[in-house]
Amino acid sequence: MQLYILTHGRVDRQVTYAQLPPSLKERAVFVVQECEQQLWVDRKVDNILVLPPSVTNLHQTRQYLLDNVHTGKALEMDDDIVFSVRRTDDPTKFGPMQEQDYYDMFTAIGSALDNYKMVGVVAREGANRNTDTVLVATRQMRLHAYDAEYFKEHNLRWDMLRSPGPEDFAMILQLLTRGEANCVLNQWCQNQGSNTSGGCSTYRTLDVHHDACHHLAELFPDFVKTVRKKTKGAWGGQERTDVIIQWKKALAHGE
């Protein structure tokens, strides 16, 4: 299974890639925007896939890869993920990954794709509250492995929202309302800084995020509710629009 790292504005800050053991680095391809191609060439990086100039944000990138690149099992990751592994002495806590943990995690992702159409790794936020090995019909973000042929056959789209934002939530809801559960592995977790320079921060303003959240609620009114939320770190502590999603209800509807 090929590993794709979707990156922008972070040529010198490849957090995800830097953590991987050597044999997994050999399988990784950087997906880069055309405007940054020369930066990668200048650094003599060969494992790049250059997007057409019309592709300038994350949901366009994901859709381009689905339409033009991916066959069979595909795995996409953000470029600034930090992975951890659940501790055996206290399963409510996480510790640093060792080399074997990375191999175990990616092997488990590939195996899970034999039974599910979409697989992720749990986000660090709230991961201490549930220590089940696998979670189904729930949110996933930052890392997405999926059955590209199934997505194409049923016209599941990463770019269905009018503004870039929670396109991963939109994709999960498309899947659930077809009666297919996504699977999130819970033995490992992933985290990242919020709205740091580069990546989606180059275009995802509060207004863009607000519009995308409301469009998601318009498309899935039975399962998505918008709320106003103020967080300590994200968006500089400003109030923002967020969504509450009834994942299990969406799956039950599809079934």
C-alpha atoms as a PDB file:
ATOM      1  CA  MET A   1       0.000   0.000   0.000  1.00  0.00           C
ATOM      2  CA  GLN A   2       1.489   3.311  -1.124  1.00  0.00           C
ATOM      3  CA  LEU A   3       1.752   6.076   1.481  1.00  0.00           C
ATOM      4  CA  TYR A   4       0.941   9.619   0.360  1.00  0.00           C
ATOM      5  CA  ILE A   5       1.863  12.680   2.429  1.00  0.00           C
ATOM      6  CA  LEU A   6      -0.212  15.702   1.411  1.00  0.00           C
ATOM      7  CA  THR A   7       1.901  18.790   1.991  1.00  0.00           C
ATOM      8  CA  HIS A   8       1.960  22.521   1.342  1.00  0.00           C
ATOM      9  CA  GLY A   9       4.100  25.340   2.703  1.00  0.00           C
ATOM     10  CA  ARG A  10       6.216  22.985   4.802  1.00  0.00           C
ATOM     11  CA  VAL A  11       9.086  21.817   2.606  1.00  0.00           C
ATOM     12  CA  ASP A  12      11.467  22.047   5.562  1.00  0.00           C
ATOM     13  CA  ARG A  13       9.008  20.865   8.245  1.00  0.00           C
ATOM     14  CA  GLN A  14       8.043  17.305   7.371  1.00  0.00           C
ATOM     15  CA  VAL A  15       6.935  16.094  10.792  1.00  0.00           C
ATOM     16  CA  THR A  16       5.061  13.001   9.593  1.00  0.00           C
ATOM     17  CA  TYR A  17       7.833  11.814   7.293  1.00  0.00           C
ATOM     18  CA  ALA A  18      10.593  12.426   9.823  1.00  0.00           C
ATOM     19  CA  GLN A  19       9.074   9.933  12.272  1.00  0.00           C
ATOM     20  CA  LEU A  20       8.785   7.027   9.852  1.00  0.00           C
ATOM     21  CA  PRO A  21      11.342   4.203   9.918  1.00  0.00           C
ATOM     22  CA  PRO A  22      13.504   3.881   6.770  1.00  0.00           C
ATOM     23  CA  SER A  23      11.520   1.186   4.943  1.00  0.00           C
ATOM     24  CA  LEU A  24       8.277   3.144   5.391  1.00  0.00           C
ATOM     25  CA  LYS A  25       9.951   6.334   4.175  1.00  0.00           C
ATOM     26  CA  GLU A  26      10.782   4.467   0.974  1.00  0.00           C
ATOM     27  CA  ARG A  27       7.051   3.915   0.412  1.00  0.00           C
ATOM     28  CA  ALA A  28       6.092   7.554   1.002  1.00  0.00           C
ATOM     29  CA  VAL A  29       5.272   9.989  -1.795  1.00  0.00           C
ATOM     30  CA  PHE A  30       4.970  13.735  -1.181  1.00  0.00           C
ATOM     31  CA  VAL A  31       1.948  15.249  -2.924  1.00  0.00           C
ATOM     32  CA  VAL A  32       2.906  18.853  -3.696  1.00  0.00           C
ATOM     33  CA  GLN A  33       1.318  21.815  -5.392  1.00  0.00           C
ATOM     34  CA  GLU A  34       2.721  22.887  -8.743  1.00  0.00           C
ATOM     35  CA  CYS A  35       3.771  26.263  -7.320  1.00  0.00           C
ATOM     36  CA  GLU A  36       6.171  24.489  -4.941  1.00  0.00           C
ATOM     37  CA  GLN A  37       7.578  21.914  -7.339  1.00  0.00           C
ATOM     38  CA  GLN A  38      10.911  23.704  -7.802  1.00  0.00           C
ATOM     39  CA  LEU A  39      11.459  23.900  -4.032  1.00  0.00           C
ATOM     40  CA  TRP A  40      11.348  20.111  -3.857  1.00  0.00           C
ATOM     41  CA  VAL A  41      13.476  19.674  -6.968  1.00  0.00           C
ATOM     42  CA  ASP A  42      16.092  22.021  -5.524  1.00  0.00           C
ATOM     43  CA  ARG A  43      16.299  19.766  -2.459  1.00  0.00           C
ATOM     44  CA  LYS A  44      16.792  16.766  -4.756  1.00  0.00           C
ATOM     45  CA  VAL A  45      13.640  15.025  -3.514  1.00  0.00           C
ATOM     46  CA  ASP A  46      12.578  12.418  -6.066  1.00  0.00           C
ATOM     47  CA  ASN A  47       9.514  10.936  -4.423  1.00  0.00           C
ATOM     48  CA  ILE A  48       7.075  13.726  -5.290  1.00  0.00           C
ATOM     49  CA  LEU A  49       3.757  13.780  -7.120  1.00  0.00           C
ATOM     50  CA  VAL A  50       3.047  17.226  -8.554  1.00  0.00           C
ATOM     51  CA  LEU A  51      -0.553  18.387  -8.719  1.00  0.00           C
ATOM     52  CA  PRO A  52      -1.926  20.378 -11.673  1.00  0.00           C
ATOM     53  CA  PRO A  53      -1.950  24.163 -11.089  1.00  0.00           C
ATOM     54  CA  SER A  54      -5.735  24.219 -10.699  1.00  0.00           C
ATOM     55  CA  VAL A  55      -5.508  22.108  -7.515  1.00  0.00           C
ATOM     56  CA  THR A  56      -4.808  24.485  -4.632  1.00  0.00           C
ATOM     57  CA  ASN A  57      -6.498  23.154  -1.486  1.00  0.00           C
ATOM     58  CA  LEU A  58      -6.930  19.936   0.450  1.00  0.00           C
ATOM     59  CA  HIS A  59     -10.319  18.763  -0.749  1.00  0.00           C
ATOM     60  CA  GLN A  60      -9.298  19.367  -4.375  1.00  0.00           C
ATOM     61  CA  THR A  61      -6.085  17.438  -3.724  1.00  0.00           C
ATOM     62  CA  ARG A  62      -7.894  14.455  -2.226  1.00  0.00           C
ATOM     63  CA  GLN A  63     -10.373  14.395  -5.109  1.00  0.00           C
ATOM     64  CA  TYR A  64      -7.633  14.648  -7.718  1.00  0.00           C
ATOM     65  CA  LEU A  65      -5.808  11.683  -6.178  1.00  0.00           C
ATOM     66  CA  LEU A  66      -9.000   9.642  -6.066  1.00  0.00           C
ATOM     67  CA  ASP A  67      -9.851  10.446  -9.693  1.00  0.00           C
ATOM     68  CA  ASN A  68      -6.396  10.171 -11.226  1.00  0.00           C
ATOM     69  CA  VAL A  69      -3.939   8.296  -9.009  1.00  0.00           C
ATOM     70  CA  HIS A  70      -5.389   5.869  -6.506  1.00  0.00           C
ATOM     71  CA  THR A  71      -6.271   2.279  -7.322  1.00  0.00           C
ATOM     72  CA  GLY A  72      -7.127  -0.374  -4.752  1.00  0.00           C
ATOM     73  CA  LYS A  73      -6.020   0.510  -1.228  1.00  0.00           C
ATOM     74  CA  ALA A  74      -4.800   4.077  -0.731  1.00  0.00           C
ATOM     75  CA  LEU A  75      -3.466   5.866   2.347  1.00  0.00           C
ATOM     76  CA  GLU A  76      -3.188   9.644   2.698  1.00  0.00           C
ATOM     77  CA  MET A  77      -1.667  11.532   5.636  1.00  0.00           C
ATOM     78  CA  ASP A  78      -1.300  15.172   6.589  1.00  0.00           C
ATOM     79  CA  ASP A  79       2.315  16.341   6.745  1.00  0.00           C
ATOM     80  CA  ASP A  80       2.394  17.386  10.419  1.00  0.00           C
ATOM     81  CA  ILE A  81       1.118  14.353  12.340  1.00  0.00           C
ATOM     82  CA  VAL A  82       2.720  13.169  15.574  1.00  0.00           C
ATOM     83  CA  PHE A  83       1.986   9.514  16.393  1.00  0.00           C
ATOM     84  CA  SER A  84       1.836   7.843  19.814  1.00  0.00           C
ATOM     85  CA  VAL A  85       1.075   4.320  21.032  1.00  0.00           C
ATOM     86  CA  ARG A  86      -1.275   3.340  23.840  1.00  0.00           C
ATOM     87  CA  ARG A  87       0.625   2.299  26.955  1.00  0.00           C
ATOM     88  CA  THR A  88       0.218  -1.237  28.289  1.00  0.00           C
ATOM     89  CA  ASP A  89       0.694  -0.251  31.930  1.00  0.00           C
ATOM     90  CA  ASP A  90      -2.044   2.408  31.744  1.00  0.00           C
ATOM     91  CA  PRO A  91      -4.231   2.128  28.603  1.00  0.00           C
ATOM     92  CA  THR A  92      -5.712   5.578  29.205  1.00  0.00           C
ATOM     93  CA  LYS A  93      -2.326   7.107  28.391  1.00  0.00           C
ATOM     94  CA  PHE A  94      -0.023   7.171  25.372  1.00  0.00           C
ATOM     95  CA  GLY A  95       3.729   6.979  24.965  1.00  0.00           C
ATOM     96  CA  PRO A  96       6.360   7.461  22.226  1.00  0.00           C
ATOM     97  CA  MET A  97       6.326   5.173  19.203  1.00  0.00           C
ATOM     98  CA  GLN A  98       9.153   2.691  18.666  1.00  0.00           C
ATOM     99  CA  GLU A  99      10.095   1.510  15.184  1.00  0.00           C
ATOM    100  CA  GLN A 100       8.045  -1.678  15.455  1.00  0.00           C
ATOM    101  CA  ASP A 101       4.980   0.325  16.491  1.00  0.00           C
ATOM    102  CA  TYR A 102       4.963   2.048  13.097  1.00  0.00           C
ATOM    103  CA  TYR A 103       5.115  -1.264  11.258  1.00  0.00           C
ATOM    104  CA  ASP A 104       2.369  -2.692  13.452  1.00  0.00           C
ATOM    105  CA  MET A 105       0.160   0.352  12.887  1.00  0.00           C
ATOM    106  CA  PHE A 106       0.427   0.411   9.099  1.00  0.00           C
ATOM    107  CA  THR A 107       0.018  -3.370   8.907  1.00  0.00           C
ATOM    108  CA  ALA A 108      -3.151  -3.081  11.000  1.00  0.00           C
ATOM    109  CA  ILE A 109      -4.470  -0.333   8.719  1.00  0.00           C
ATOM    110  CA  GLY A 110      -3.970  -2.527   5.651  1.00  0.00           C
ATOM    111  CA  SER A 111      -5.631  -5.501   7.338  1.00  0.00           C
ATOM    112  CA  ALA A 112      -8.625  -3.403   8.451  1.00  0.00           C
ATOM    113  CA  LEU A 113      -9.163  -2.336   4.837  1.00  0.00           C
ATOM    114  CA  ASP A 114     -10.008  -5.943   4.048  1.00  0.00           C
ATOM    115  CA  ASN A 115     -13.213  -5.479   6.071  1.00  0.00           C
ATOM    116  CA  TYR A 116     -13.930  -1.735   5.941  1.00  0.00           C
ATOM    117  CA  LYS A 117     -14.012   0.780   3.098  1.00  0.00           C
ATOM    118  CA  MET A 118     -12.366   3.544   5.143  1.00  0.00           C
ATOM    119  CA  VAL A 119      -9.861   3.284   8.003  1.00  0.00           C
ATOM    120  CA  GLY A 120      -8.167   5.839  10.252  1.00  0.00           C
ATOM    121  CA  VAL A 121      -6.193   6.190  13.476  1.00  0.00           C
ATOM    122  CA  VAL A 122      -7.852   7.825  16.470  1.00  0.00           C
ATOM    123  CA  ALA A 123      -7.178  11.509  17.142  1.00  0.00           C
ATOM    124  CA  ARG A 124      -5.408  12.290  20.394  1.00  0.00           C
ATOM    125  CA  GLU A 125      -8.238  14.586  21.501  1.00  0.00           C
ATOM    126  CA  GLY A 126     -10.408  12.498  23.836  1.00  0.00           C
ATOM    127  CA  ALA A 127      -8.631   9.210  23.035  1.00  0.00           C
ATOM    128  CA  ASN A 128      -8.031   8.500  26.717  1.00  0.00           C
ATOM    129  CA  ARG A 129     -11.772   8.067  27.346  1.00  0.00           C
ATOM    130  CA  ASN A 130     -12.265   4.895  25.300  1.00  0.00           C
ATOM    131  CA  THR A 131      -9.670   2.112  25.224  1.00  0.00           C
ATOM    132  CA  ASP A 132     -11.449  -0.263  22.836  1.00  0.00           C
ATOM    133  CA  THR A 133      -9.076  -1.596  20.180  1.00  0.00           C
ATOM    134  CA  VAL A 134     -11.316  -0.538  17.299  1.00  0.00           C
ATOM    135  CA  LEU A 135     -13.983   2.151  16.960  1.00  0.00           C
ATOM    136  CA  VAL A 136     -16.573   2.138  14.175  1.00  0.00           C
ATOM    137  CA  ALA A 137     -18.911   4.756  12.706  1.00  0.00           C
ATOM    138  CA  THR A 138     -17.086   7.698  14.227  1.00  0.00           C
ATOM    139  CA  ARG A 139     -14.998  10.710  13.292  1.00  0.00           C
ATOM    140  CA  GLN A 140     -11.559  10.360  11.752  1.00  0.00           C
ATOM    141  CA  MET A 141      -9.149  12.989  10.526  1.00  0.00           C
ATOM    142  CA  ARG A 142      -5.605  13.638   9.265  1.00  0.00           C
ATOM    143  CA  LEU A 143      -4.995  10.046   8.128  1.00  0.00           C
ATOM    144  CA  HIS A 144      -7.328   8.291   5.716  1.00  0.00           C
ATOM    145  CA  ALA A 145      -6.887   4.846   4.197  1.00  0.00           C
ATOM    146  CA  TYR A 146      -9.666   3.756   1.892  1.00  0.00           C
ATOM    147  CA  ASP A 147     -10.866   1.487  -0.879  1.00  0.00           C
ATOM    148  CA  ALA A 148     -10.469   3.766  -3.881  1.00  0.00           C
ATOM    149  CA  GLU A 149     -12.392   1.506  -6.235  1.00  0.00           C
ATOM    150  CA  TYR A 150     -15.435   1.489  -3.935  1.00  0.00           C
ATOM    151  CA  PHE A 151     -15.319   5.283  -3.623  1.00  0.00           C
ATOM    152  CA  LYS A 152     -15.189   5.649  -7.406  1.00  0.00           C
ATOM    153  CA  GLU A 153     -17.917   3.087  -8.050  1.00  0.00           C
ATOM    154  CA  HIS A 154     -20.342   4.878  -5.722  1.00  0.00           C
ATOM    155  CA  ASN A 155     -19.214   8.430  -6.580  1.00  0.00           C
ATOM    156  CA  LEU A 156     -18.157   9.312  -3.046  1.00  0.00           C
ATOM    157  CA  ARG A 157     -16.487  12.709  -3.263  1.00  0.00           C
ATOM    158  CA  TRP A 158     -13.974  14.661  -1.211  1.00  0.00           C
ATOM    159  CA  ASP A 159     -15.021  17.938  -2.827  1.00  0.00           C
ATOM    160  CA  MET A 160     -18.772  17.912  -2.172  1.00  0.00           C
ATOM    161  CA  LEU A 161     -18.619  20.950   0.163  1.00  0.00           C
ATOM    162  CA  ARG A 162     -18.703  24.383  -1.453  1.00  0.00           C
ATOM    163  CA  SER A 163     -15.843  25.548   0.794  1.00  0.00           C
ATOM    164  CA  PRO A 164     -12.808  23.582   2.014  1.00  0.00           C
ATOM    165  CA  GLY A 165     -13.113  22.474   5.614  1.00  0.00           C
ATOM    166  CA  PRO A 166     -14.534  19.303   7.161  1.00  0.00           C
ATOM    167  CA  GLU A 167     -14.300  17.327   3.904  1.00  0.00           C
ATOM    168  CA  ASP A 168     -13.222  14.282   5.897  1.00  0.00           C
ATOM    169  CA  PHE A 169     -16.488  14.422   7.896  1.00  0.00           C
ATOM    170  CA  ALA A 170     -18.456  14.815   4.677  1.00  0.00           C
ATOM    171  CA  MET A 171     -16.791  11.734   3.227  1.00  0.00           C
ATOM    172  CA  ILE A 172     -17.478   9.657   6.347  1.00  0.00           C
ATOM    173  CA  LEU A 173     -21.142  10.685   6.267  1.00  0.00           C
ATOM    174  CA  GLN A 174     -21.413   9.725   2.598  1.00  0.00           C
ATOM    175  CA  LEU A 175     -20.088   6.300   3.543  1.00  0.00           C
ATOM    176  CA  LEU A 176     -22.234   5.834   6.656  1.00  0.00           C
ATOM    177  CA  THR A 177     -25.452   6.807   4.905  1.00  0.00           C
ATOM    178  CA  ARG A 178     -24.725   4.034   2.422  1.00  0.00           C
ATOM    179  CA  GLY A 179     -24.688   1.590   5.331  1.00  0.00           C
ATOM    180  CA  GLU A 180     -20.886   1.192   5.416  1.00  0.00           C
ATOM    181  CA  ALA A 181     -19.094   1.868   8.713  1.00  0.00           C
ATOM    182  CA  ASN A 182     -15.658   3.422   8.819  1.00  0.00           C
ATOM    183  CA  CYS A 183     -13.098   1.919  11.194  1.00  0.00           C
ATOM    184  CA  VAL A 184     -10.770   3.888  13.472  1.00  0.00           C
ATOM    185  CA  LEU A 185      -7.862   2.042  15.082  1.00  0.00           C
ATOM    186  CA  ASN A 186      -7.519   2.953  18.744  1.00  0.00           C
ATOM    187  CA  GLN A 187      -4.263   1.274  19.805  1.00  0.00           C
ATOM    188  CA  TRP A 188      -2.312   4.215  18.375  1.00  0.00           C
ATOM    189  CA  CYS A 189      -3.210   7.894  18.161  1.00  0.00           C
ATOM    190  CA  GLN A 190      -2.236  10.924  16.125  1.00  0.00           C
ATOM    191  CA  ASN A 191      -2.074  14.617  16.911  1.00  0.00           C
ATOM    192  CA  GLN A 192      -1.009  17.886  15.294  1.00  0.00           C
ATOM    193  CA  GLY A 193      -0.791  21.598  15.941  1.00  0.00           C
ATOM    194  CA  SER A 194      -3.947  23.532  15.077  1.00  0.00           C
ATOM    195  CA  ASN A 195      -3.888  26.104  12.260  1.00  0.00           C
ATOM    196  CA  THR A 196      -0.073  26.336  12.237  1.00  0.00           C
ATOM    197  CA  SER A 197       1.607  28.028   9.268  1.00  0.00           C
ATOM    198  CA  GLY A 198       1.426  26.160   5.981  1.00  0.00           C
ATOM    199  CA  GLY A 199      -1.082  23.481   5.040  1.00  0.00           C
ATOM    200  CA  CYS A 200      -4.735  24.453   5.288  1.00  0.00           C
ATOM    201  CA  SER A 201      -3.924  27.605   7.269  1.00  0.00           C
ATOM    202  CA  THR A 202      -3.118  29.339   3.970  1.00  0.00           C
ATOM    203  CA  TYR A 203      -6.823  29.437   3.027  1.00  0.00           C
ATOM    204  CA  ARG A 204      -8.979  28.120   5.892  1.00  0.00           C
ATOM    205  CA  THR A 205     -10.182  31.329   7.524  1.00  0.00           C
ATOM    206  CA  LEU A 206     -12.951  31.511  10.095  1.00  0.00           C
ATOM    207  CA  ASP A 207     -15.389  32.575   7.365  1.00  0.00           C
ATOM    208  CA  VAL A 208     -14.399  29.681   5.081  1.00  0.00           C
ATOM    209  CA  HIS A 209     -14.669  27.226   7.966  1.00  0.00           C
ATOM    210  CA  HIS A 210     -18.057  28.681   8.973  1.00  0.00           C
ATOM    211  CA  ASP A 211     -19.424  28.270   5.442  1.00  0.00           C
ATOM    212  CA  ALA A 212     -18.161  24.687   5.126  1.00  0.00           C
ATOM    213  CA  CYS A 213     -19.701  23.661   8.459  1.00  0.00           C
ATOM    214  CA  HIS A 214     -23.071  25.124   7.510  1.00  0.00           C
ATOM    215  CA  HIS A 215     -22.970  23.445   4.111  1.00  0.00           C
ATOM    216  CA  LEU A 216     -22.248  20.107   5.805  1.00  0.00           C
ATOM    217  CA  ALA A 217     -25.326  20.627   7.988  1.00  0.00           C
ATOM    218  CA  GLU A 218     -27.400  21.519   4.918  1.00  0.00           C
ATOM    219  CA  LEU A 219     -26.355  18.332   3.143  1.00  0.00           C
ATOM    220  CA  PHE A 220     -26.923  16.064   6.176  1.00  0.00           C
ATOM    221  CA  PRO A 221     -29.569  17.865   8.266  1.00  0.00           C
ATOM    222  CA  ASP A 222     -30.683  14.715  10.104  1.00  0.00           C
ATOM    223  CA  PHE A 223     -27.211  14.030  11.457  1.00  0.00           C
ATOM    224  CA  VAL A 224     -25.310  17.343  11.658  1.00  0.00           C
ATOM    225  CA  LYS A 225     -25.917  20.362  13.887  1.00  0.00           C
ATOM    226  CA  THR A 226     -23.825  23.535  13.877  1.00  0.00           C
ATOM    227  CA  VAL A 227     -22.774  25.180  17.143  1.00  0.00           C
ATOM    228  CA  ARG A 228     -20.607  28.087  18.199  1.00  0.00           C
ATOM    229  CA  LYS A 229     -17.494  27.116  20.110  1.00  0.00           C
ATOM    230  CA  LYS A 230     -14.538  28.849  21.722  1.00  0.00           C
ATOM    231  CA  THR A 231     -11.330  26.878  22.271  1.00  0.00           C
ATOM    232  CA  LYS A 232      -8.154  27.815  24.108  1.00  0.00           C
ATOM    233  CA  GLY A 233      -5.644  27.101  21.373  1.00  0.00           C
ATOM    234  CA  ALA A 234      -7.272  26.832  17.948  1.00  0.00           C
ATOM    235  CA  TRP A 235      -7.919  29.981  15.900  1.00  0.00           C
ATOM    236  CA  GLY A 236      -6.208  32.114  18.532  1.00  0.00           C
ATOM    237  CA  GLY A 237      -9.003  31.474  21.000  1.00  0.00           C
ATOM    238  CA  GLN A 238     -11.630  33.099  18.778  1.00  0.00           C
ATOM    239  CA  GLU A 239     -15.195  31.822  18.695  1.00  0.00           C
ATOM    240  CA  ARG A 240     -15.814  29.617  15.686  1.00  0.00           C
ATOM    241  CA  THR A 241     -18.463  27.439  14.107  1.00  0.00           C
ATOM    242  CA  ASP A 242     -18.242  23.740  14.865  1.00  0.00           C
ATOM    243  CA  VAL A 243     -20.411  20.707  14.156  1.00  0.00           C
ATOM    244  CA  ILE A 244     -21.993  18.007  16.273  1.00  0.00           C
ATOM    245  CA  ILE A 245     -22.464  14.822  14.253  1.00  0.00           C
ATOM    246  CA  GLN A 246     -24.568  11.774  15.081  1.00  0.00           C
ATOM    247  CA  TRP A 247     -22.356   9.185  13.429  1.00  0.00           C
ATOM    248  CA  LYS A 248     -24.208   6.084  14.664  1.00  0.00           C
ATOM    249  CA  LYS A 249     -27.552   7.537  13.580  1.00  0.00           C
ATOM    250  CA  ALA A 250     -26.168   8.121  10.102  1.00  0.00           C
ATOM    251  CA  LEU A 251     -25.031   4.500   9.870  1.00  0.00           C
ATOM    252  CA  ALA A 252     -28.373   3.207  11.139  1.00  0.00           C
ATOM    253  CA  HIS A 253     -30.101   5.294   8.472  1.00  0.00           C
ATOM    254  CA  GLY A 254     -27.914   3.735   5.779  1.00  0.00           C
ATOM    255  CA  GLU A 255     -28.558   0.221   6.989  1.00  0.00           C
END
